[in-house]
Amino acid sequence: MLPLLAIETSGELCSVAVMFNENNFAETNIKQKNIHSEKLMDMVNYTLETATLKINDLNAVAVSTGPGSFTGLRIGMSAAKGIAFGADLQIVPVPTFNALAYEISNFLKAGTSFVVSNIVNTTEIYFSKYLKSVDGLQTISELRVIKKEELQNYIEDKDLVYGNFTNINNDFSLASPSAKFVAKWAYIFGKDLLTFNFDYMEPNYLKNFVPRIKK
């Protein structure tokens, strides 16, 4: 499965990583709105060059599948498919919130419960809740869409809250995973998801896209 190329485009962060093993990575990140279509393939090429690899040296591609930005996810998915098809590689679809929760959990002590809440639209947020235990990461509440005002009904005073909606009781802010942790999640948890059958693979939007109408 290694070396593995990973792509993350679910939010403002455009991130590309190559994973050589559990401790060695090459990673490129740009955090800026609306640059994914312009910069992603340049970042892939730069990261591979930095890692002294060619695309044909890779063994798989991992891509963040959402939910998140509709446009960003499509750009990342299209790039992953193009690379995999051209180099005859398998793809690992990586649930974005799983990779994000895994990344956050690396900075927390065992016994810590935390929530990830990212904005869906003006009235709704994505919500999921996790527990960092001595055995790893446990999902307490599966990912769902809730009304913004409902968040307080789902959290306890001891919960840490991360994401781009609100940050409560935490020391750092994360709203999307880095490609490094997309790669790590794929390597540790995603081996059974490896597939050449990615023609109809689609991002997980969790909620239908409703275009904004400018007035």
C-alpha atoms as a PDB file:
ATOM      1  CA  MET A   1       0.000   0.000   0.000  1.00  0.00           C
ATOM      2  CA  LEU A   2       2.976   2.315   0.575  1.00  0.00           C
ATOM      3  CA  PRO A   3       4.095   4.749  -0.669  1.00  0.00           C
ATOM      4  CA  LEU A   4       0.634   6.286  -0.590  1.00  0.00           C
ATOM      5  CA  LEU A   5      -0.531   9.617  -2.020  1.00  0.00           C
ATOM      6  CA  ALA A   6      -3.253  11.411  -0.027  1.00  0.00           C
ATOM      7  CA  ILE A   7      -5.466  14.327  -1.054  1.00  0.00           C
ATOM      8  CA  GLU A   8      -7.589  16.562   1.195  1.00  0.00           C
ATOM      9  CA  THR A   9      -9.835  19.268  -0.323  1.00  0.00           C
ATOM     10  CA  SER A  10     -12.978  19.217   1.845  1.00  0.00           C
ATOM     11  CA  GLY A  11     -12.512  22.745   3.218  1.00  0.00           C
ATOM     12  CA  GLU A  12     -10.282  25.799   2.957  1.00  0.00           C
ATOM     13  CA  LEU A  13      -7.197  23.627   3.446  1.00  0.00           C
ATOM     14  CA  CYS A  14      -5.805  22.185   0.225  1.00  0.00           C
ATOM     15  CA  SER A  15      -3.432  19.438   1.326  1.00  0.00           C
ATOM     16  CA  VAL A  16      -1.345  16.745  -0.367  1.00  0.00           C
ATOM     17  CA  ALA A  17       0.877  14.162   1.311  1.00  0.00           C
ATOM     18  CA  VAL A  18       2.993  11.154   0.461  1.00  0.00           C
ATOM     19  CA  MET A  19       3.284   8.519   3.183  1.00  0.00           C
ATOM     20  CA  PHE A  20       6.387   6.323   3.116  1.00  0.00           C
ATOM     21  CA  ASN A  21       5.781   4.613   6.453  1.00  0.00           C
ATOM     22  CA  GLU A  22       4.101   5.415   9.764  1.00  0.00           C
ATOM     23  CA  ASN A  23       6.738   8.029  10.615  1.00  0.00           C
ATOM     24  CA  ASN A  24       7.907   9.480   7.307  1.00  0.00           C
ATOM     25  CA  PHE A  25       5.859  11.839   5.130  1.00  0.00           C
ATOM     26  CA  ALA A  26       6.207  14.585   2.561  1.00  0.00           C
ATOM     27  CA  GLU A  27       3.368  17.120   2.791  1.00  0.00           C
ATOM     28  CA  THR A  28       2.305  20.363   1.102  1.00  0.00           C
ATOM     29  CA  ASN A  29      -0.464  22.603   2.476  1.00  0.00           C
ATOM     30  CA  ILE A  30      -2.161  25.796   1.340  1.00  0.00           C
ATOM     31  CA  LYS A  31      -5.022  27.238   3.393  1.00  0.00           C
ATOM     32  CA  GLN A  32      -6.939  29.618   1.165  1.00  0.00           C
ATOM     33  CA  LYS A  33     -10.438  29.713  -0.280  1.00  0.00           C
ATOM     34  CA  ASN A  34     -11.120  28.819  -3.901  1.00  0.00           C
ATOM     35  CA  ILE A  35      -7.598  27.815  -4.931  1.00  0.00           C
ATOM     36  CA  HIS A  36      -8.068  24.043  -5.095  1.00  0.00           C
ATOM     37  CA  SER A  37      -8.743  23.812  -8.830  1.00  0.00           C
ATOM     38  CA  GLU A  38      -5.758  26.034  -9.597  1.00  0.00           C
ATOM     39  CA  LYS A  39      -3.205  24.640  -7.156  1.00  0.00           C
ATOM     40  CA  LEU A  40      -4.015  20.984  -6.416  1.00  0.00           C
ATOM     41  CA  MET A  41      -2.170  19.283  -9.283  1.00  0.00           C
ATOM     42  CA  ASP A  42       0.806  21.622  -8.874  1.00  0.00           C
ATOM     43  CA  MET A  43       0.899  20.594  -5.211  1.00  0.00           C
ATOM     44  CA  VAL A  44       0.737  16.902  -6.146  1.00  0.00           C
ATOM     45  CA  ASN A  45       3.659  17.329  -8.538  1.00  0.00           C
ATOM     46  CA  TYR A  46       5.641  19.383  -6.028  1.00  0.00           C
ATOM     47  CA  THR A  47       5.066  16.874  -3.211  1.00  0.00           C
ATOM     48  CA  LEU A  48       6.106  13.949  -5.397  1.00  0.00           C
ATOM     49  CA  GLU A  49       9.204  15.861  -6.514  1.00  0.00           C
ATOM     50  CA  THR A  50      10.066  16.666  -2.904  1.00  0.00           C
ATOM     51  CA  ALA A  51       9.656  12.985  -2.058  1.00  0.00           C
ATOM     52  CA  THR A  52      11.818  12.058  -5.093  1.00  0.00           C
ATOM     53  CA  LEU A  53       9.005   9.905  -6.437  1.00  0.00           C
ATOM     54  CA  LYS A  54       7.142   9.588  -9.697  1.00  0.00           C
ATOM     55  CA  ILE A  55       3.438   8.766  -9.879  1.00  0.00           C
ATOM     56  CA  ASN A  56       4.292   5.245 -11.051  1.00  0.00           C
ATOM     57  CA  ASP A  57       6.231   4.703  -7.807  1.00  0.00           C
ATOM     58  CA  LEU A  58       3.009   4.982  -5.792  1.00  0.00           C
ATOM     59  CA  ASN A  59       0.975   1.996  -4.630  1.00  0.00           C
ATOM     60  CA  ALA A  60      -2.361   3.699  -3.883  1.00  0.00           C
ATOM     61  CA  VAL A  61      -4.199   7.011  -3.634  1.00  0.00           C
ATOM     62  CA  ALA A  62      -6.266   8.074  -0.598  1.00  0.00           C
ATOM     63  CA  VAL A  63      -8.831  10.826  -1.001  1.00  0.00           C
ATOM     64  CA  SER A  64     -10.953  12.652   1.544  1.00  0.00           C
ATOM     65  CA  THR A  65     -14.592  11.968   0.604  1.00  0.00           C
ATOM     66  CA  GLY A  66     -16.500  14.395   2.794  1.00  0.00           C
ATOM     67  CA  PRO A  67     -18.766  15.760   3.877  1.00  0.00           C
ATOM     68  CA  GLY A  68     -17.496  19.257   3.255  1.00  0.00           C
ATOM     69  CA  SER A  69     -17.265  21.761   0.441  1.00  0.00           C
ATOM     70  CA  PHE A  70     -19.181  20.484  -2.587  1.00  0.00           C
ATOM     71  CA  THR A  71     -16.763  22.056  -5.053  1.00  0.00           C
ATOM     72  CA  GLY A  72     -13.630  21.151  -3.102  1.00  0.00           C
ATOM     73  CA  LEU A  73     -14.634  17.512  -2.713  1.00  0.00           C
ATOM     74  CA  ARG A  74     -15.343  17.166  -6.446  1.00  0.00           C
ATOM     75  CA  ILE A  75     -11.958  18.650  -7.317  1.00  0.00           C
ATOM     76  CA  GLY A  76     -10.154  16.268  -4.983  1.00  0.00           C
ATOM     77  CA  MET A  77     -12.129  13.243  -6.121  1.00  0.00           C
ATOM     78  CA  SER A  78     -11.574  14.037  -9.807  1.00  0.00           C
ATOM     79  CA  ALA A  79      -7.830  14.465  -9.248  1.00  0.00           C
ATOM     80  CA  ALA A  80      -7.572  11.188  -7.318  1.00  0.00           C
ATOM     81  CA  LYS A  81      -9.469   9.303 -10.014  1.00  0.00           C
ATOM     82  CA  GLY A  82      -7.338  10.790 -12.779  1.00  0.00           C
ATOM     83  CA  ILE A  83      -4.085   9.904 -11.024  1.00  0.00           C
ATOM     84  CA  ALA A  84      -5.277   6.396 -10.129  1.00  0.00           C
ATOM     85  CA  PHE A  85      -6.574   5.672 -13.611  1.00  0.00           C
ATOM     86  CA  GLY A  86      -3.425   6.914 -15.311  1.00  0.00           C
ATOM     87  CA  ALA A  87      -1.079   4.950 -13.060  1.00  0.00           C
ATOM     88  CA  ASP A  88      -3.316   1.883 -12.553  1.00  0.00           C
ATOM     89  CA  LEU A  89      -3.611   2.446  -8.799  1.00  0.00           C
ATOM     90  CA  GLN A  90      -6.294   1.601  -6.269  1.00  0.00           C
ATOM     91  CA  ILE A  91      -8.126   4.340  -4.353  1.00  0.00           C
ATOM     92  CA  VAL A  92      -8.933   4.401  -0.639  1.00  0.00           C
ATOM     93  CA  PRO A  93     -12.017   6.580   0.062  1.00  0.00           C
ATOM     94  CA  VAL A  94     -11.448   8.235   3.446  1.00  0.00           C
ATOM     95  CA  PRO A  95     -14.397   9.692   5.413  1.00  0.00           C
ATOM     96  CA  THR A  96     -13.326  13.247   6.185  1.00  0.00           C
ATOM     97  CA  PHE A  97     -14.690  13.402   9.728  1.00  0.00           C
ATOM     98  CA  ASN A  98     -13.076  10.063  10.622  1.00  0.00           C
ATOM     99  CA  ALA A  99      -9.682  11.357   9.522  1.00  0.00           C
ATOM    100  CA  LEU A 100     -10.263  14.675  11.306  1.00  0.00           C
ATOM    101  CA  ALA A 101     -11.314  12.958  14.539  1.00  0.00           C
ATOM    102  CA  TYR A 102      -8.273  10.702  14.307  1.00  0.00           C
ATOM    103  CA  GLU A 103      -6.007  13.732  13.884  1.00  0.00           C
ATOM    104  CA  ILE A 104      -7.592  15.580  16.826  1.00  0.00           C
ATOM    105  CA  SER A 105      -7.374  12.494  19.040  1.00  0.00           C
ATOM    106  CA  ASN A 106      -3.602  12.418  18.627  1.00  0.00           C
ATOM    107  CA  PHE A 107      -3.405  15.592  20.727  1.00  0.00           C
ATOM    108  CA  LEU A 108      -5.779  14.485  23.502  1.00  0.00           C
ATOM    109  CA  LYS A 109      -5.469  12.382  26.640  1.00  0.00           C
ATOM    110  CA  ALA A 110      -7.311   9.082  27.033  1.00  0.00           C
ATOM    111  CA  GLY A 111     -10.769   9.600  28.498  1.00  0.00           C
ATOM    112  CA  THR A 112     -11.391  12.846  26.607  1.00  0.00           C
ATOM    113  CA  SER A 113     -14.684  13.220  24.757  1.00  0.00           C
ATOM    114  CA  PHE A 114     -14.920  15.699  21.909  1.00  0.00           C
ATOM    115  CA  VAL A 115     -17.261  16.970  19.241  1.00  0.00           C
ATOM    116  CA  VAL A 116     -16.623  18.081  15.658  1.00  0.00           C
ATOM    117  CA  SER A 117     -19.104  20.675  14.344  1.00  0.00           C
ATOM    118  CA  ASN A 118     -18.627  22.170  10.879  1.00  0.00           C
ATOM    119  CA  ILE A 119     -20.924  24.585   9.109  1.00  0.00           C
ATOM    120  CA  VAL A 120     -23.283  23.176   6.446  1.00  0.00           C
ATOM    121  CA  ASN A 121     -25.197  26.367   5.638  1.00  0.00           C
ATOM    122  CA  THR A 122     -26.653  29.374   7.437  1.00  0.00           C
ATOM    123  CA  THR A 123     -28.896  27.261   9.673  1.00  0.00           C
ATOM    124  CA  GLU A 124     -27.288  23.794   9.939  1.00  0.00           C
ATOM    125  CA  ILE A 125     -24.056  22.118  11.020  1.00  0.00           C
ATOM    126  CA  TYR A 126     -22.456  18.713  10.715  1.00  0.00           C
ATOM    127  CA  PHE A 127     -22.157  17.050  14.122  1.00  0.00           C
ATOM    128  CA  SER A 128     -20.328  13.990  15.409  1.00  0.00           C
ATOM    129  CA  LYS A 129     -18.980  13.007  18.823  1.00  0.00           C
ATOM    130  CA  TYR A 130     -16.008  10.843  19.792  1.00  0.00           C
ATOM    131  CA  LEU A 131     -14.118   9.454  22.781  1.00  0.00           C
ATOM    132  CA  LYS A 132     -10.344   9.131  22.948  1.00  0.00           C
ATOM    133  CA  SER A 133      -9.904   5.920  24.960  1.00  0.00           C
ATOM    134  CA  VAL A 134      -6.871   3.867  25.946  1.00  0.00           C
ATOM    135  CA  ASP A 135      -7.820   1.492  23.127  1.00  0.00           C
ATOM    136  CA  GLY A 136      -8.022   4.182  20.464  1.00  0.00           C
ATOM    137  CA  LEU A 137     -10.826   6.304  19.055  1.00  0.00           C
ATOM    138  CA  GLN A 138     -14.497   5.485  19.632  1.00  0.00           C
ATOM    139  CA  THR A 139     -17.503   7.059  17.913  1.00  0.00           C
ATOM    140  CA  ILE A 140     -20.171   8.104  20.422  1.00  0.00           C
ATOM    141  CA  SER A 141     -22.568   9.856  18.015  1.00  0.00           C
ATOM    142  CA  GLU A 142     -22.529   9.133  14.296  1.00  0.00           C
ATOM    143  CA  LEU A 143     -22.140  11.997  11.862  1.00  0.00           C
ATOM    144  CA  ARG A 144     -25.404  13.833  11.178  1.00  0.00           C
ATOM    145  CA  VAL A 145     -26.794  17.231  10.221  1.00  0.00           C
ATOM    146  CA  ILE A 146     -28.436  19.260  13.011  1.00  0.00           C
ATOM    147  CA  LYS A 147     -29.728  22.790  13.454  1.00  0.00           C
ATOM    148  CA  LYS A 148     -27.132  25.215  14.803  1.00  0.00           C
ATOM    149  CA  GLU A 149     -29.219  26.013  17.845  1.00  0.00           C
ATOM    150  CA  GLU A 150     -29.467  22.291  18.708  1.00  0.00           C
ATOM    151  CA  LEU A 151     -25.740  21.847  19.352  1.00  0.00           C
ATOM    152  CA  GLN A 152     -26.016  22.611  23.060  1.00  0.00           C
ATOM    153  CA  ASN A 153     -28.473  19.710  23.384  1.00  0.00           C
ATOM    154  CA  TYR A 154     -25.810  17.267  22.183  1.00  0.00           C
ATOM    155  CA  ILE A 155     -22.788  18.333  24.214  1.00  0.00           C
ATOM    156  CA  GLU A 156     -21.817  18.142  27.871  1.00  0.00           C
ATOM    157  CA  ASP A 157     -19.760  20.616  29.870  1.00  0.00           C
ATOM    158  CA  LYS A 158     -16.695  18.360  29.742  1.00  0.00           C
ATOM    159  CA  ASP A 159     -16.770  17.956  25.941  1.00  0.00           C
ATOM    160  CA  LEU A 160     -14.202  19.685  23.793  1.00  0.00           C
ATOM    161  CA  VAL A 161     -15.705  21.121  20.598  1.00  0.00           C
ATOM    162  CA  TYR A 162     -13.755  21.523  17.358  1.00  0.00           C
ATOM    163  CA  GLY A 163     -14.643  22.631  13.842  1.00  0.00           C
ATOM    164  CA  ASN A 164     -15.415  25.833  11.982  1.00  0.00           C
ATOM    165  CA  PHE A 165     -18.753  26.472  13.728  1.00  0.00           C
ATOM    166  CA  THR A 166     -17.533  27.001  17.266  1.00  0.00           C
ATOM    167  CA  ASN A 167     -14.593  26.092  19.471  1.00  0.00           C
ATOM    168  CA  ILE A 168     -15.266  25.355  23.137  1.00  0.00           C
ATOM    169  CA  ASN A 169     -12.789  24.312  25.850  1.00  0.00           C
ATOM    170  CA  ASN A 170      -9.992  23.504  23.422  1.00  0.00           C
ATOM    171  CA  ASP A 171      -6.434  24.689  22.886  1.00  0.00           C
ATOM    172  CA  PHE A 172      -6.325  24.532  19.094  1.00  0.00           C
ATOM    173  CA  SER A 173      -8.664  24.762  16.109  1.00  0.00           C
ATOM    174  CA  LEU A 174      -9.112  22.164  13.358  1.00  0.00           C
ATOM    175  CA  ALA A 175     -11.946  22.072  10.813  1.00  0.00           C
ATOM    176  CA  SER A 176     -10.513  19.633   8.274  1.00  0.00           C
ATOM    177  CA  PRO A 177      -7.807  16.976   8.413  1.00  0.00           C
ATOM    178  CA  SER A 178      -4.395  17.377   6.862  1.00  0.00           C
ATOM    179  CA  ALA A 179      -3.520  15.011   4.027  1.00  0.00           C
ATOM    180  CA  LYS A 180      -0.998  13.409   6.376  1.00  0.00           C
ATOM    181  CA  PHE A 181      -3.829  12.154   8.565  1.00  0.00           C
ATOM    182  CA  VAL A 182      -5.952  11.191   5.562  1.00  0.00           C
ATOM    183  CA  ALA A 183      -3.002   8.981   4.623  1.00  0.00           C
ATOM    184  CA  LYS A 184      -2.603   7.659   8.176  1.00  0.00           C
ATOM    185  CA  TRP A 185      -6.315   6.813   8.438  1.00  0.00           C
ATOM    186  CA  ALA A 186      -6.215   5.078   5.056  1.00  0.00           C
ATOM    187  CA  TYR A 187      -3.169   3.026   6.038  1.00  0.00           C
ATOM    188  CA  ILE A 188      -4.444   2.004   9.485  1.00  0.00           C
ATOM    189  CA  PHE A 189      -8.181   1.627   8.875  1.00  0.00           C
ATOM    190  CA  GLY A 190      -8.736   1.660   5.122  1.00  0.00           C
ATOM    191  CA  LYS A 191      -7.039  -1.421   3.703  1.00  0.00           C
ATOM    192  CA  ASP A 192     -10.421  -3.135   3.200  1.00  0.00           C
ATOM    193  CA  LEU A 193     -11.640  -0.082   1.247  1.00  0.00           C
ATOM    194  CA  LEU A 194      -8.936  -0.263  -1.441  1.00  0.00           C
ATOM    195  CA  THR A 195     -10.576  -0.537  -4.843  1.00  0.00           C
ATOM    196  CA  PHE A 196      -9.949  -0.321  -8.573  1.00  0.00           C
ATOM    197  CA  ASN A 197     -13.707   0.086  -9.032  1.00  0.00           C
ATOM    198  CA  PHE A 198     -13.817   3.843  -8.563  1.00  0.00           C
ATOM    199  CA  ASP A 199     -15.611   4.969 -11.738  1.00  0.00           C
ATOM    200  CA  TYR A 200     -18.792   5.635  -9.780  1.00  0.00           C
ATOM    201  CA  MET A 201     -17.141   6.656  -6.514  1.00  0.00           C
ATOM    202  CA  GLU A 202     -18.675   9.936  -5.340  1.00  0.00           C
ATOM    203  CA  PRO A 203     -18.071  12.316  -2.439  1.00  0.00           C
ATOM    204  CA  ASN A 204     -20.276  11.886   0.623  1.00  0.00           C
ATOM    205  CA  TYR A 205     -22.147  15.167   0.791  1.00  0.00           C
ATOM    206  CA  LEU A 206     -24.533  13.910   3.509  1.00  0.00           C
ATOM    207  CA  LYS A 207     -26.866  16.681   2.402  1.00  0.00           C
ATOM    208  CA  ASN A 208     -28.069  17.619  -1.071  1.00  0.00           C
ATOM    209  CA  PHE A 209     -26.453  20.637  -2.662  1.00  0.00           C
ATOM    210  CA  VAL A 210     -28.733  23.670  -2.982  1.00  0.00           C
ATOM    211  CA  PRO A 211     -27.178  26.395  -5.157  1.00  0.00           C
ATOM    212  CA  ARG A 212     -27.300  29.945  -3.845  1.00  0.00           C
ATOM    213  CA  ILE A 213     -29.321  32.396  -5.898  1.00  0.00           C
ATOM    214  CA  LYS A 214     -27.853  35.871  -5.950  1.00  0.00           C
ATOM    215  CA  LYS A 215     -30.427  38.584  -5.458  1.00  0.00           C
END
